[in-house]
Every structure is written in C-alpha cells, then in structure tokens.
C-alpha cells in the first residue's frame, strides 16, 4: 500500500505505539522499506538495510535517531516489531525505542525529540517502499528502497491519547481542513 495520507491513518505522534510486520525472508538477505511515514523533512521508517532491521525517526531534518539490529534477519517467516514508549508530557517529547525480531530484543535507543503534530503536508505513508523523498538517506530513493522480500502484514497499535487535549480544537480543525 502506498500514498496513504497522514490524516487517514492512526496517529502515532505523542503516544506510545507498536509497529509490527510479518515477513518471509528468503535464504539470502532482504533489503528495503517495510513502512515509512513522512519524508526528508520529518517522519519515521521501519526498514531493512544489509539484511538488518532498522528504525529511524527524522526530527525536521535537524536530528535523526536510528537504531539497527546487529545481525541480519533469519531466513523464513519472521515477526519484527518497533516499540516506542513515549515519555509523556508536552507534545513532541521523547521516548525509548526497541526493535524486536521474533520476540527477542535486538536493539534499543533513545529518541530525545519527536515530531509533535504533522509529519508533512504532502508526504504519505507507504508500505513496502518509500515512494517520495526518503525519511533517511540510508535506504535510497524510488525503486532503490522497495522491499525485496515478502510482507504479509503490517500493523500499528497505539496507546491511549494522552496529549491531544493540549492543542486547542480550533487550530486542530484549521490544520486538518488545510490538508483537505
């Protein structure tokens, strides 16, 4: 699936969330984007680079937080996850990220700043590739970042809304209407 507009998706900003994917990896290694939202100026991506699971959060091109598994994904059916534990408090606060492969923690990292309200006015969420500008330069542009193995499913789960009440309803409404 590609070109999913931001205001049609679950909102992962300012809350804890989990991104899961069910994959089949051939005997060789896999590469490419599993899921990406946003682009070069702000966003996040869960991807495989040189066979290794990775996650990056791009905070307005000012800071990029990346965590990468030390070992390549195993061959066969594989379950991968990225878990984000939001610190809470103000919008855009940080949190801790964890990468898991088949239920085992393979990498952890700190994300000091997160995108608080909008990733992009024109970038989208894509599954299996990043069709516009890449969230990070690591995986390249266009056909260079198409996932080379099989994605059976991507699922995003979010925890309760802890901070949207901090944004006044009128600016929220104007922001949403401006994106129509």
C-alpha atoms as a PDB file:
ATOM      1  CA  UNK A   1       0.000   0.000   0.000  1.00  0.00           C
ATOM      2  CA  UNK A   2       1.288   3.417  -0.858  1.00  0.00           C
ATOM      3  CA  UNK A   3       0.275   7.069  -0.763  1.00  0.00           C
ATOM      4  CA  UNK A   4      -1.754   6.888   2.456  1.00  0.00           C
ATOM      5  CA  UNK A   5      -2.416  10.465   3.618  1.00  0.00           C
ATOM      6  CA  UNK A   6      -1.452  11.311   7.188  1.00  0.00           C
ATOM      7  CA  UNK A   7      -4.921  12.348   8.335  1.00  0.00           C
ATOM      8  CA  UNK A   8      -6.376   8.966   7.260  1.00  0.00           C
ATOM      9  CA  UNK A   9      -4.074   6.913   9.499  1.00  0.00           C
ATOM     10  CA  UNK A  10      -3.704   6.127  13.155  1.00  0.00           C
ATOM     11  CA  UNK A  11      -1.821   8.975  14.795  1.00  0.00           C
ATOM     12  CA  UNK A  12       1.427   7.668  16.323  1.00  0.00           C
ATOM     13  CA  UNK A  13       2.558  11.102  17.457  1.00  0.00           C
ATOM     14  CA  UNK A  14       2.715  11.919  21.192  1.00  0.00           C
ATOM     15  CA  UNK A  15       1.870   8.414  22.367  1.00  0.00           C
ATOM     16  CA  UNK A  16       3.358   5.005  22.862  1.00  0.00           C
ATOM     17  CA  UNK A  17       2.863   2.696  19.915  1.00  0.00           C
ATOM     18  CA  UNK A  18       3.962  -0.545  18.284  1.00  0.00           C
ATOM     19  CA  UNK A  19       4.612  -1.180  14.590  1.00  0.00           C
ATOM     20  CA  UNK A  20       4.622  -4.901  13.727  1.00  0.00           C
ATOM     21  CA  UNK A  21       5.299  -6.706  10.469  1.00  0.00           C
ATOM     22  CA  UNK A  22       5.055 -10.344   9.415  1.00  0.00           C
ATOM     23  CA  UNK A  23       7.671 -11.174   6.781  1.00  0.00           C
ATOM     24  CA  UNK A  24       9.106 -14.063   4.828  1.00  0.00           C
ATOM     25  CA  UNK A  25      12.840 -13.736   4.268  1.00  0.00           C
ATOM     26  CA  UNK A  26      14.487 -15.907   1.566  1.00  0.00           C
ATOM     27  CA  UNK A  27      17.791 -17.723   2.040  1.00  0.00           C
ATOM     28  CA  UNK A  28      19.665 -14.577   1.069  1.00  0.00           C
ATOM     29  CA  UNK A  29      19.102 -11.284   2.786  1.00  0.00           C
ATOM     30  CA  UNK A  30      16.302  -8.781   2.400  1.00  0.00           C
ATOM     31  CA  UNK A  31      16.501  -5.032   1.964  1.00  0.00           C
ATOM     32  CA  UNK A  32      14.128  -2.111   1.692  1.00  0.00           C
ATOM     33  CA  UNK A  33      11.386  -0.212   3.464  1.00  0.00           C
ATOM     34  CA  UNK A  34       8.750  -2.057   5.457  1.00  0.00           C
ATOM     35  CA  UNK A  35       6.776   1.080   6.337  1.00  0.00           C
ATOM     36  CA  UNK A  36       7.610   4.784   6.143  1.00  0.00           C
ATOM     37  CA  UNK A  37       5.619   7.876   7.052  1.00  0.00           C
ATOM     38  CA  UNK A  38       6.681  11.401   6.142  1.00  0.00           C
ATOM     39  CA  UNK A  39       9.891  12.136   4.306  1.00  0.00           C
ATOM     40  CA  UNK A  40      13.157  14.041   4.166  1.00  0.00           C
ATOM     41  CA  UNK A  41      11.932  16.903   6.379  1.00  0.00           C
ATOM     42  CA  UNK A  42      10.176  14.866   9.124  1.00  0.00           C
ATOM     43  CA  UNK A  43       8.987  11.300   9.543  1.00  0.00           C
ATOM     44  CA  UNK A  44       9.846   7.756  10.553  1.00  0.00           C
ATOM     45  CA  UNK A  45      10.699   4.494   8.831  1.00  0.00           C
ATOM     46  CA  UNK A  46      10.987   0.822   9.732  1.00  0.00           C
ATOM     47  CA  UNK A  47      13.247  -0.826   7.161  1.00  0.00           C
ATOM     48  CA  UNK A  48      15.842  -3.498   6.435  1.00  0.00           C
ATOM     49  CA  UNK A  49      19.348  -2.452   5.401  1.00  0.00           C
ATOM     50  CA  UNK A  50      22.014  -5.026   4.535  1.00  0.00           C
ATOM     51  CA  UNK A  51      19.644  -7.648   5.923  1.00  0.00           C
ATOM     52  CA  UNK A  52      19.395  -5.922   9.338  1.00  0.00           C
ATOM     53  CA  UNK A  53      16.242  -4.467  10.845  1.00  0.00           C
ATOM     54  CA  UNK A  54      16.450  -0.699  11.426  1.00  0.00           C
ATOM     55  CA  UNK A  55      14.249   2.163  12.561  1.00  0.00           C
ATOM     56  CA  UNK A  56      14.810   5.899  12.072  1.00  0.00           C
ATOM     57  CA  UNK A  57      12.933   8.941  13.360  1.00  0.00           C
ATOM     58  CA  UNK A  58      13.655  12.149  11.462  1.00  0.00           C
ATOM     59  CA  UNK A  59      13.009  15.244  13.589  1.00  0.00           C
ATOM     60  CA  UNK A  60      12.646  18.030  10.994  1.00  0.00           C
ATOM     61  CA  UNK A  61      15.995  17.142   9.349  1.00  0.00           C
ATOM     62  CA  UNK A  62      17.657  18.579  12.450  1.00  0.00           C
ATOM     63  CA  UNK A  63      18.181  15.322  14.279  1.00  0.00           C
ATOM     64  CA  UNK A  64      17.842  11.761  13.074  1.00  0.00           C
ATOM     65  CA  UNK A  65      17.585   8.963  15.596  1.00  0.00           C
ATOM     66  CA  UNK A  66      18.425   5.493  14.248  1.00  0.00           C
ATOM     67  CA  UNK A  67      18.651   2.074  15.824  1.00  0.00           C
ATOM     68  CA  UNK A  68      19.849  -1.004  13.925  1.00  0.00           C
ATOM     69  CA  UNK A  69      19.933  -4.693  14.815  1.00  0.00           C
ATOM     70  CA  UNK A  70      23.473  -6.101  14.925  1.00  0.00           C
ATOM     71  CA  UNK A  71      22.619  -9.248  12.953  1.00  0.00           C
ATOM     72  CA  UNK A  72      20.722  -9.920   9.714  1.00  0.00           C
ATOM     73  CA  UNK A  73      17.160 -11.207   9.852  1.00  0.00           C
ATOM     74  CA  UNK A  74      16.921 -15.012   9.822  1.00  0.00           C
ATOM     75  CA  UNK A  75      15.581 -16.846   6.776  1.00  0.00           C
ATOM     76  CA  UNK A  76      11.961 -17.987   6.802  1.00  0.00           C
ATOM     77  CA  UNK A  77       8.918 -16.488   8.486  1.00  0.00           C
ATOM     78  CA  UNK A  78       9.914 -13.573  10.697  1.00  0.00           C
ATOM     79  CA  UNK A  79       7.966 -11.281  13.028  1.00  0.00           C
ATOM     80  CA  UNK A  80       9.520  -7.843  13.550  1.00  0.00           C
ATOM     81  CA  UNK A  81       8.421  -5.011  15.817  1.00  0.00           C
ATOM     82  CA  UNK A  82       9.298  -1.473  16.722  1.00  0.00           C
ATOM     83  CA  UNK A  83       8.012  -0.402  20.148  1.00  0.00           C
ATOM     84  CA  UNK A  84       8.020   3.246  21.196  1.00  0.00           C
ATOM     85  CA  UNK A  85       7.491   4.200  24.842  1.00  0.00           C
ATOM     86  CA  UNK A  86       6.538   7.876  24.926  1.00  0.00           C
ATOM     87  CA  UNK A  87       7.803   9.854  27.934  1.00  0.00           C
ATOM     88  CA  UNK A  88       4.503  11.746  28.120  1.00  0.00           C
ATOM     89  CA  UNK A  89       4.102  15.397  28.904  1.00  0.00           C
ATOM     90  CA  UNK A  90       4.334  18.029  26.204  1.00  0.00           C
ATOM     91  CA  UNK A  91       3.751  17.250  22.522  1.00  0.00           C
ATOM     92  CA  UNK A  92       6.996  16.314  20.810  1.00  0.00           C
ATOM     93  CA  UNK A  93       8.576  14.889  23.949  1.00  0.00           C
ATOM     94  CA  UNK A  94      10.926  11.964  23.543  1.00  0.00           C
ATOM     95  CA  UNK A  95      10.860   8.343  24.467  1.00  0.00           C
ATOM     96  CA  UNK A  96      12.571   4.993  24.170  1.00  0.00           C
ATOM     97  CA  UNK A  97      12.532   2.751  21.123  1.00  0.00           C
ATOM     98  CA  UNK A  98      13.015  -1.003  20.952  1.00  0.00           C
ATOM     99  CA  UNK A  99      13.445  -3.299  17.951  1.00  0.00           C
ATOM    100  CA  UNK A 100      12.399  -6.932  18.262  1.00  0.00           C
ATOM    101  CA  UNK A 101      12.859  -9.901  15.938  1.00  0.00           C
ATOM    102  CA  UNK A 102      10.726 -12.955  16.686  1.00  0.00           C
ATOM    103  CA  UNK A 103      10.027 -11.563  20.156  1.00  0.00           C
ATOM    104  CA  UNK A 104      13.688 -11.008  21.071  1.00  0.00           C
ATOM    105  CA  UNK A 105      15.068  -7.513  21.700  1.00  0.00           C
ATOM    106  CA  UNK A 106      17.771  -6.782  19.106  1.00  0.00           C
ATOM    107  CA  UNK A 107      18.298  -3.024  19.528  1.00  0.00           C
ATOM    108  CA  UNK A 108      17.237  -0.175  21.782  1.00  0.00           C
ATOM    109  CA  UNK A 109      17.681   3.561  21.599  1.00  0.00           C
ATOM    110  CA  UNK A 110      16.644   6.932  22.883  1.00  0.00           C
ATOM    111  CA  UNK A 111      14.686   9.438  20.808  1.00  0.00           C
ATOM    112  CA  UNK A 112      15.038  12.818  22.514  1.00  0.00           C
ATOM    113  CA  UNK A 113      12.633  14.744  20.266  1.00  0.00           C
ATOM    114  CA  UNK A 114       9.651  13.540  18.268  1.00  0.00           C
ATOM    115  CA  UNK A 115       7.554  15.268  15.627  1.00  0.00           C
ATOM    116  CA  UNK A 116       4.642  16.730  17.641  1.00  0.00           C
ATOM    117  CA  UNK A 117       1.834  17.477  15.178  1.00  0.00           C
ATOM    118  CA  UNK A 118       2.360  16.927  11.425  1.00  0.00           C
ATOM    119  CA  UNK A 119       4.998  14.936   9.556  1.00  0.00           C
ATOM    120  CA  UNK A 120       4.308  16.522   6.184  1.00  0.00           C
ATOM    121  CA  UNK A 121       1.684  18.323   4.136  1.00  0.00           C
ATOM    122  CA  UNK A 122       2.424  16.248   1.041  1.00  0.00           C
ATOM    123  CA  UNK A 123       4.401  13.144   2.020  1.00  0.00           C
ATOM    124  CA  UNK A 124       2.445   9.976   2.721  1.00  0.00           C
ATOM    125  CA  UNK A 125       2.740   6.620   4.461  1.00  0.00           C
ATOM    126  CA  UNK A 126       3.937   3.792   2.271  1.00  0.00           C
ATOM    127  CA  UNK A 127       4.201   0.076   2.946  1.00  0.00           C
ATOM    128  CA  UNK A 128       6.834  -1.938   1.097  1.00  0.00           C
ATOM    129  CA  UNK A 129       8.660   1.162  -0.171  1.00  0.00           C
ATOM    130  CA  UNK A 130       9.053   4.907   0.351  1.00  0.00           C
ATOM    131  CA  UNK A 131       7.583   6.496  -2.774  1.00  0.00           C
ATOM    132  CA  UNK A 132       8.527  10.136  -2.204  1.00  0.00           C
ATOM    133  CA  UNK A 133      11.567  11.642  -0.505  1.00  0.00           C
ATOM    134  CA  UNK A 134      13.178   9.129   1.848  1.00  0.00           C
ATOM    135  CA  UNK A 135      12.884   9.635   5.607  1.00  0.00           C
ATOM    136  CA  UNK A 136      16.630   8.908   5.770  1.00  0.00           C
ATOM    137  CA  UNK A 137      19.278   8.630   3.068  1.00  0.00           C
ATOM    138  CA  UNK A 138      20.265   5.138   4.299  1.00  0.00           C
ATOM    139  CA  UNK A 139      17.865   3.292   2.019  1.00  0.00           C
ATOM    140  CA  UNK A 140      17.888   5.465  -1.106  1.00  0.00           C
ATOM    141  CA  UNK A 141      15.095   6.857  -3.262  1.00  0.00           C
ATOM    142  CA  UNK A 142      12.450   5.374  -5.520  1.00  0.00           C
ATOM    143  CA  UNK A 143      12.988   1.799  -6.705  1.00  0.00           C
ATOM    144  CA  UNK A 144      16.165   1.554  -4.599  1.00  0.00           C
ATOM    145  CA  UNK A 145      14.096   1.197  -1.409  1.00  0.00           C
ATOM    146  CA  UNK A 146      11.414  -1.322  -2.491  1.00  0.00           C
ATOM    147  CA  UNK A 147      11.354  -4.225  -0.011  1.00  0.00           C
ATOM    148  CA  UNK A 148      12.964  -7.231  -1.698  1.00  0.00           C
ATOM    149  CA  UNK A 149      11.137  -9.980   0.207  1.00  0.00           C
ATOM    150  CA  UNK A 150       7.544 -10.681   1.214  1.00  0.00           C
ATOM    151  CA  UNK A 151       5.485  -8.565   3.612  1.00  0.00           C
ATOM    152  CA  UNK A 152       2.406 -10.441   4.782  1.00  0.00           C
ATOM    153  CA  UNK A 153       1.086  -7.809   7.145  1.00  0.00           C
ATOM    154  CA  UNK A 154       1.922  -4.505   8.817  1.00  0.00           C
ATOM    155  CA  UNK A 155       0.019  -3.481  11.926  1.00  0.00           C
ATOM    156  CA  UNK A 156       0.165  -0.323  14.023  1.00  0.00           C
ATOM    157  CA  UNK A 157      -1.157  -0.314  17.585  1.00  0.00           C
ATOM    158  CA  UNK A 158      -1.396   2.882  19.656  1.00  0.00           C
ATOM    159  CA  UNK A 159      -1.904   3.538  23.337  1.00  0.00           C
ATOM    160  CA  UNK A 160      -4.456   5.996  24.648  1.00  0.00           C
ATOM    161  CA  UNK A 161      -4.446   9.614  23.625  1.00  0.00           C
ATOM    162  CA  UNK A 162      -2.537  11.397  26.367  1.00  0.00           C
ATOM    163  CA  UNK A 163      -1.813  14.819  24.879  1.00  0.00           C
ATOM    164  CA  UNK A 164      -4.195  15.857  22.101  1.00  0.00           C
ATOM    165  CA  UNK A 165      -6.154  17.827  24.685  1.00  0.00           C
ATOM    166  CA  UNK A 166      -3.186  20.228  24.851  1.00  0.00           C
ATOM    167  CA  UNK A 167      -3.970  21.531  21.354  1.00  0.00           C
ATOM    168  CA  UNK A 168      -6.950  23.858  21.149  1.00  0.00           C
ATOM    169  CA  UNK A 169      -9.813  22.489  18.996  1.00  0.00           C
ATOM    170  CA  UNK A 170      -9.895  25.499  16.627  1.00  0.00           C
ATOM    171  CA  UNK A 171      -6.224  25.225  15.451  1.00  0.00           C
ATOM    172  CA  UNK A 172      -6.681  21.460  15.183  1.00  0.00           C
ATOM    173  CA  UNK A 173      -9.717  21.962  12.942  1.00  0.00           C
ATOM    174  CA  UNK A 174      -7.903  24.559  10.783  1.00  0.00           C
ATOM    175  CA  UNK A 175      -4.852  22.302  10.420  1.00  0.00           C
ATOM    176  CA  UNK A 176      -6.987  19.362   9.316  1.00  0.00           C
ATOM    177  CA  UNK A 177      -9.056  21.453   6.898  1.00  0.00           C
ATOM    178  CA  UNK A 178      -5.920  22.970   5.352  1.00  0.00           C
ATOM    179  CA  UNK A 179      -4.790  19.472   4.380  1.00  0.00           C
ATOM    180  CA  UNK A 180      -8.012  18.624   2.507  1.00  0.00           C
END
